[in-house]
Amino acid sequence: VLVCPLRPVERFRDLRPDELADLFSAAQRVANLVEKHFNATSITIAIQDGPEAGQTVKVRT
């Protein structure tokens, strides 16, 4: 599942503190739903921030 901020930004560091809070809150809600749906006991959350980190989604403005 890809969770993205509402405002398009190129990098994670470009998010404002309030946007970070919203993003992680959304990621937490999604993680809870995924765990419940698959009856899982743990989950991995990853951030690929920049091309060398594996980021493939490009920002469209």
N, C-alpha and C. Protein backbone atom coordinates (compact mmCIF):
# COMPACT_ATOMS: atom_id res chain seq x y z
N VAL A 1 0.86 -1.17 0.00
CA VAL A 1 0.00 0.00 0.00
C VAL A 1 0.90 1.23 0.00
N LEU A 2 0.65 2.15 -0.90
CA LEU A 2 1.41 3.39 -0.96
C LEU A 2 0.61 4.49 -0.28
N VAL A 3 1.20 5.10 0.74
CA VAL A 3 0.58 6.21 1.45
C VAL A 3 1.37 7.47 1.09
N CYS A 4 0.69 8.47 0.56
CA CYS A 4 1.35 9.69 0.08
C CYS A 4 0.76 10.93 0.74
N PRO A 5 1.56 11.98 0.88
CA PRO A 5 1.02 13.23 1.41
C PRO A 5 0.10 13.89 0.39
N LEU A 6 -0.79 14.74 0.85
CA LEU A 6 -1.70 15.44 -0.06
C LEU A 6 -0.97 16.44 -0.94
N ARG A 7 -0.01 17.17 -0.36
CA ARG A 7 0.74 18.17 -1.13
C ARG A 7 1.92 17.47 -1.81
N PRO A 8 2.07 17.66 -3.13
CA PRO A 8 3.20 17.03 -3.82
C PRO A 8 4.54 17.64 -3.38
N VAL A 9 5.45 16.81 -2.93
CA VAL A 9 6.81 17.23 -2.59
C VAL A 9 7.78 16.21 -3.17
N GLU A 10 8.98 16.67 -3.50
CA GLU A 10 9.96 15.75 -4.08
C GLU A 10 10.57 14.81 -3.05
N ARG A 11 10.81 15.32 -1.85
CA ARG A 11 11.50 14.53 -0.85
C ARG A 11 10.79 14.60 0.49
N PHE A 12 11.00 13.59 1.29
CA PHE A 12 10.44 13.49 2.64
C PHE A 12 10.78 14.72 3.47
N ARG A 13 12.00 15.20 3.32
CA ARG A 13 12.46 16.37 4.10
C ARG A 13 11.70 17.65 3.76
N ASP A 14 10.98 17.66 2.63
CA ASP A 14 10.24 18.84 2.21
C ASP A 14 8.87 18.97 2.87
N LEU A 15 8.47 17.96 3.62
CA LEU A 15 7.18 18.01 4.30
C LEU A 15 7.25 18.89 5.54
N ARG A 16 6.17 19.61 5.79
CA ARG A 16 6.07 20.42 7.01
C ARG A 16 5.73 19.49 8.18
N PRO A 17 6.01 19.92 9.40
CA PRO A 17 5.72 19.08 10.57
C PRO A 17 4.26 18.61 10.64
N ASP A 18 3.31 19.48 10.31
CA ASP A 18 1.91 19.06 10.35
C ASP A 18 1.61 18.01 9.28
N GLU A 19 2.27 18.12 8.13
CA GLU A 19 2.09 17.13 7.07
C GLU A 19 2.70 15.79 7.46
N LEU A 20 3.83 15.84 8.15
CA LEU A 20 4.44 14.60 8.64
C LEU A 20 3.52 13.89 9.62
N ALA A 21 2.93 14.67 10.51
CA ALA A 21 2.01 14.08 11.49
C ALA A 21 0.83 13.42 10.78
N ASP A 22 0.27 14.10 9.79
CA ASP A 22 -0.86 13.53 9.04
C ASP A 22 -0.44 12.28 8.27
N LEU A 23 0.74 12.32 7.66
CA LEU A 23 1.23 11.18 6.88
C LEU A 23 1.41 9.95 7.76
N PHE A 24 2.05 10.12 8.91
CA PHE A 24 2.28 8.98 9.79
C PHE A 24 0.99 8.50 10.45
N SER A 25 0.07 9.41 10.70
CA SER A 25 -1.23 9.00 11.22
C SER A 25 -1.96 8.14 10.19
N ALA A 26 -1.92 8.56 8.93
CA ALA A 26 -2.54 7.77 7.86
C ALA A 26 -1.86 6.42 7.72
N ALA A 27 -0.52 6.41 7.77
CA ALA A 27 0.22 5.15 7.66
C ALA A 27 -0.15 4.20 8.80
N GLN A 28 -0.32 4.75 9.98
CA GLN A 28 -0.70 3.93 11.14
C GLN A 28 -2.09 3.33 10.95
N ARG A 29 -3.03 4.13 10.46
CA ARG A 29 -4.38 3.61 10.22
C ARG A 29 -4.37 2.51 9.16
N VAL A 30 -3.62 2.73 8.08
CA VAL A 30 -3.52 1.71 7.03
C VAL A 30 -2.88 0.45 7.58
N ALA A 31 -1.81 0.60 8.36
CA ALA A 31 -1.13 -0.56 8.94
C ALA A 31 -2.09 -1.37 9.81
N ASN A 32 -2.89 -0.70 10.61
CA ASN A 32 -3.86 -1.40 11.45
C ASN A 32 -4.87 -2.17 10.61
N LEU A 33 -5.34 -1.57 9.54
CA LEU A 33 -6.30 -2.24 8.66
C LEU A 33 -5.67 -3.44 7.96
N VAL A 34 -4.44 -3.28 7.49
CA VAL A 34 -3.75 -4.38 6.81
C VAL A 34 -3.52 -5.54 7.77
N GLU A 35 -3.04 -5.24 8.98
CA GLU A 35 -2.83 -6.30 9.97
C GLU A 35 -4.13 -7.03 10.28
N LYS A 36 -5.19 -6.28 10.47
CA LYS A 36 -6.47 -6.91 10.79
C LYS A 36 -6.96 -7.77 9.62
N HIS A 37 -6.87 -7.24 8.41
CA HIS A 37 -7.36 -7.97 7.23
C HIS A 37 -6.61 -9.29 7.02
N PHE A 38 -5.29 -9.26 7.21
CA PHE A 38 -4.47 -10.45 6.98
C PHE A 38 -4.19 -11.25 8.25
N ASN A 39 -4.83 -10.85 9.36
CA ASN A 39 -4.62 -11.52 10.64
C ASN A 39 -3.13 -11.62 10.96
N ALA A 40 -2.42 -10.52 10.76
CA ALA A 40 -0.97 -10.47 10.97
C ALA A 40 -0.66 -9.94 12.37
N THR A 41 0.56 -10.19 12.81
CA THR A 41 0.99 -9.71 14.12
C THR A 41 2.10 -8.66 14.02
N SER A 42 2.54 -8.37 12.80
CA SER A 42 3.55 -7.33 12.61
C SER A 42 3.47 -6.82 11.18
N ILE A 43 4.15 -5.69 10.94
CA ILE A 43 4.10 -5.06 9.62
C ILE A 43 5.39 -4.29 9.39
N THR A 44 5.78 -4.15 8.15
CA THR A 44 6.95 -3.35 7.78
C THR A 44 6.48 -2.07 7.12
N ILE A 45 7.03 -0.95 7.57
CA ILE A 45 6.75 0.35 6.96
C ILE A 45 8.09 0.89 6.46
N ALA A 46 8.16 1.23 5.17
CA ALA A 46 9.41 1.69 4.57
C ALA A 46 9.22 3.03 3.88
N ILE A 47 10.28 3.82 3.87
CA ILE A 47 10.30 5.09 3.15
C ILE A 47 11.47 5.04 2.17
N GLN A 48 11.16 5.13 0.88
CA GLN A 48 12.20 5.18 -0.14
C GLN A 48 12.28 6.63 -0.60
N ASP A 49 13.24 7.36 -0.05
CA ASP A 49 13.33 8.81 -0.23
C ASP A 49 14.51 9.16 -1.11
N GLY A 50 14.27 9.30 -2.40
CA GLY A 50 15.32 9.62 -3.37
C GLY A 50 15.63 8.43 -4.25
N PRO A 51 16.14 8.68 -5.45
CA PRO A 51 16.39 7.61 -6.43
C PRO A 51 17.33 6.52 -5.91
N GLU A 52 18.38 6.88 -5.21
CA GLU A 52 19.32 5.88 -4.71
C GLU A 52 18.71 5.00 -3.62
N ALA A 53 17.63 5.48 -3.03
CA ALA A 53 16.93 4.71 -2.00
C ALA A 53 15.82 3.84 -2.59
N GLY A 54 15.65 3.93 -3.91
CA GLY A 54 14.64 3.12 -4.57
C GLY A 54 13.34 3.85 -4.88
N GLN A 55 13.30 5.16 -4.67
CA GLN A 55 12.09 5.92 -4.96
C GLN A 55 11.83 5.90 -6.46
N THR A 56 10.63 5.48 -6.85
CA THR A 56 10.27 5.43 -8.26
C THR A 56 9.10 6.34 -8.61
N VAL A 57 8.34 6.79 -7.62
CA VAL A 57 7.21 7.67 -7.88
C VAL A 57 7.74 9.08 -8.09
N LYS A 58 7.37 9.66 -9.22
CA LYS A 58 7.79 11.03 -9.54
C LYS A 58 6.69 12.01 -9.13
N VAL A 59 7.10 13.22 -8.77
CA VAL A 59 6.15 14.26 -8.38
C VAL A 59 5.63 14.95 -9.63
N ARG A 60 4.30 15.07 -9.70
CA ARG A 60 3.69 15.84 -10.79
C ARG A 60 3.02 17.06 -10.18
N THR A 61 3.37 18.22 -10.68
CA THR A 61 2.76 19.45 -10.15
C THR A 61 1.86 20.08 -11.17
